[in-house]
Amino acid sequence: MQFESFSDFIAMGGYGFYVWLSYGSCAFVLLSVLLSSLHDAKQLKQQVKLQIEREARIKKAQQEQAV
């Protein structure tokens, strides 16, 4: 489908509102999923770091008790 002008392209033969709304909502959902995944990964890394530190403290305390 070829368009005569940029405004015809935006109008999409009268369906522009629905077409661009679909693209916009899809972009919003994908961006939301990306940001949520990045946030969850950051939290998970922090929890793993805290767990490793906790286990190291427990191991050190057990070694001190054994001596």
C-alpha atoms as a PDB file:
ATOM      1  CA  MET A   1       0.000   0.000   0.000  1.00  0.00           C
ATOM      2  CA  GLN A   2       1.507   3.318  -1.049  1.00  0.00           C
ATOM      3  CA  PHE A   3       0.531   6.645   0.404  1.00  0.00           C
ATOM      4  CA  GLU A   4       0.389  10.003  -1.363  1.00  0.00           C
ATOM      5  CA  SER A   5       1.663  11.984   1.631  1.00  0.00           C
ATOM      6  CA  PHE A   6       2.852  11.599   5.184  1.00  0.00           C
ATOM      7  CA  SER A   7      -0.571  12.596   6.527  1.00  0.00           C
ATOM      8  CA  ASP A   8      -2.129   9.795   4.430  1.00  0.00           C
ATOM      9  CA  PHE A   9       0.383   7.425   5.986  1.00  0.00           C
ATOM     10  CA  ILE A  10      -0.582   8.585   9.485  1.00  0.00           C
ATOM     11  CA  ALA A  11      -4.296   8.308   8.648  1.00  0.00           C
ATOM     12  CA  MET A  12      -3.838   4.739   7.298  1.00  0.00           C
ATOM     13  CA  GLY A  13      -6.915   4.970   5.132  1.00  0.00           C
ATOM     14  CA  GLY A  14      -9.117   5.959   8.060  1.00  0.00           C
ATOM     15  CA  TYR A  15      -7.799   3.278  10.401  1.00  0.00           C
ATOM     16  CA  GLY A  16      -4.810   5.256  11.685  1.00  0.00           C
ATOM     17  CA  PHE A  17      -6.208   5.676  15.190  1.00  0.00           C
ATOM     18  CA  TYR A  18      -6.549   1.916  15.656  1.00  0.00           C
ATOM     19  CA  VAL A  19      -3.251   1.090  13.968  1.00  0.00           C
ATOM     20  CA  TRP A  20      -1.202   3.577  15.989  1.00  0.00           C
ATOM     21  CA  LEU A  21      -3.068   2.729  19.183  1.00  0.00           C
ATOM     22  CA  SER A  22      -2.138  -0.921  18.621  1.00  0.00           C
ATOM     23  CA  TYR A  23       1.514  -0.069  18.016  1.00  0.00           C
ATOM     24  CA  GLY A  24       1.583   2.225  21.038  1.00  0.00           C
ATOM     25  CA  SER A  25      -0.035  -0.250  23.393  1.00  0.00           C
ATOM     26  CA  CYS A  26       2.270  -3.025  22.199  1.00  0.00           C
ATOM     27  CA  ALA A  27       5.333  -0.823  22.720  1.00  0.00           C
ATOM     28  CA  PHE A  28       4.076   0.122  26.195  1.00  0.00           C
ATOM     29  CA  VAL A  29       3.567  -3.526  27.181  1.00  0.00           C
ATOM     30  CA  LEU A  30       6.986  -4.571  25.855  1.00  0.00           C
ATOM     31  CA  LEU A  31       8.693  -1.687  27.634  1.00  0.00           C
ATOM     32  CA  SER A  32       6.861  -2.537  30.850  1.00  0.00           C
ATOM     33  CA  VAL A  33       7.955  -6.169  30.643  1.00  0.00           C
ATOM     34  CA  LEU A  34      11.552  -5.117  29.993  1.00  0.00           C
ATOM     35  CA  LEU A  35      11.652  -2.699  32.923  1.00  0.00           C
ATOM     36  CA  SER A  36       9.969  -5.210  35.222  1.00  0.00           C
ATOM     37  CA  SER A  37      12.457  -7.914  34.244  1.00  0.00           C
ATOM     38  CA  LEU A  38      15.418  -5.605  34.847  1.00  0.00           C
ATOM     39  CA  HIS A  39      14.035  -4.625  38.249  1.00  0.00           C
ATOM     40  CA  ASP A  40      13.410  -8.260  39.220  1.00  0.00           C
ATOM     41  CA  ALA A  41      16.924  -9.267  38.110  1.00  0.00           C
ATOM     42  CA  LYS A  42      18.437  -6.496  40.216  1.00  0.00           C
ATOM     43  CA  GLN A  43      16.459  -7.599  43.265  1.00  0.00           C
ATOM     44  CA  LEU A  44      17.382 -11.248  42.719  1.00  0.00           C
ATOM     45  CA  LYS A  45      21.090 -10.412  42.479  1.00  0.00           C
ATOM     46  CA  GLN A  46      20.844  -8.415  45.708  1.00  0.00           C
ATOM     47  CA  GLN A  47      19.085 -11.313  47.478  1.00  0.00           C
ATOM     48  CA  VAL A  48      21.726 -13.780  46.296  1.00  0.00           C
ATOM     49  CA  LYS A  49      24.494 -11.466  47.524  1.00  0.00           C
ATOM     50  CA  LEU A  50      22.840 -11.180  50.932  1.00  0.00           C
ATOM     51  CA  GLN A  51      22.363 -14.954  51.115  1.00  0.00           C
ATOM     52  CA  ILE A  52      26.038 -15.568  50.325  1.00  0.00           C
ATOM     53  CA  GLU A  53      27.104 -13.077  52.998  1.00  0.00           C
ATOM     54  CA  ARG A  54      24.737 -14.686  55.515  1.00  0.00           C
ATOM     55  CA  GLU A  55      26.102 -18.163  54.787  1.00  0.00           C
ATOM     56  CA  ALA A  56      29.687 -16.904  55.136  1.00  0.00           C
ATOM     57  CA  ARG A  57      28.876 -15.410  58.568  1.00  0.00           C
ATOM     58  CA  ILE A  58      27.243 -18.670  59.688  1.00  0.00           C
ATOM     59  CA  LYS A  59      30.221 -20.720  58.488  1.00  0.00           C
ATOM     60  CA  LYS A  60      32.649 -18.388  60.260  1.00  0.00           C
ATOM     61  CA  ALA A  61      30.648 -18.589  63.491  1.00  0.00           C
ATOM     62  CA  GLN A  62      30.579 -22.385  63.319  1.00  0.00           C
ATOM     63  CA  GLN A  63      34.354 -22.493  62.810  1.00  0.00           C
ATOM     64  CA  GLU A  64      34.912 -20.205  65.795  1.00  0.00           C
ATOM     65  CA  GLN A  65      32.715 -22.428  67.980  1.00  0.00           C
ATOM     66  CA  ALA A  66      34.627 -25.522  66.929  1.00  0.00           C
ATOM     67  CA  VAL A  67      37.925 -24.007  68.056  1.00  0.00           C
END
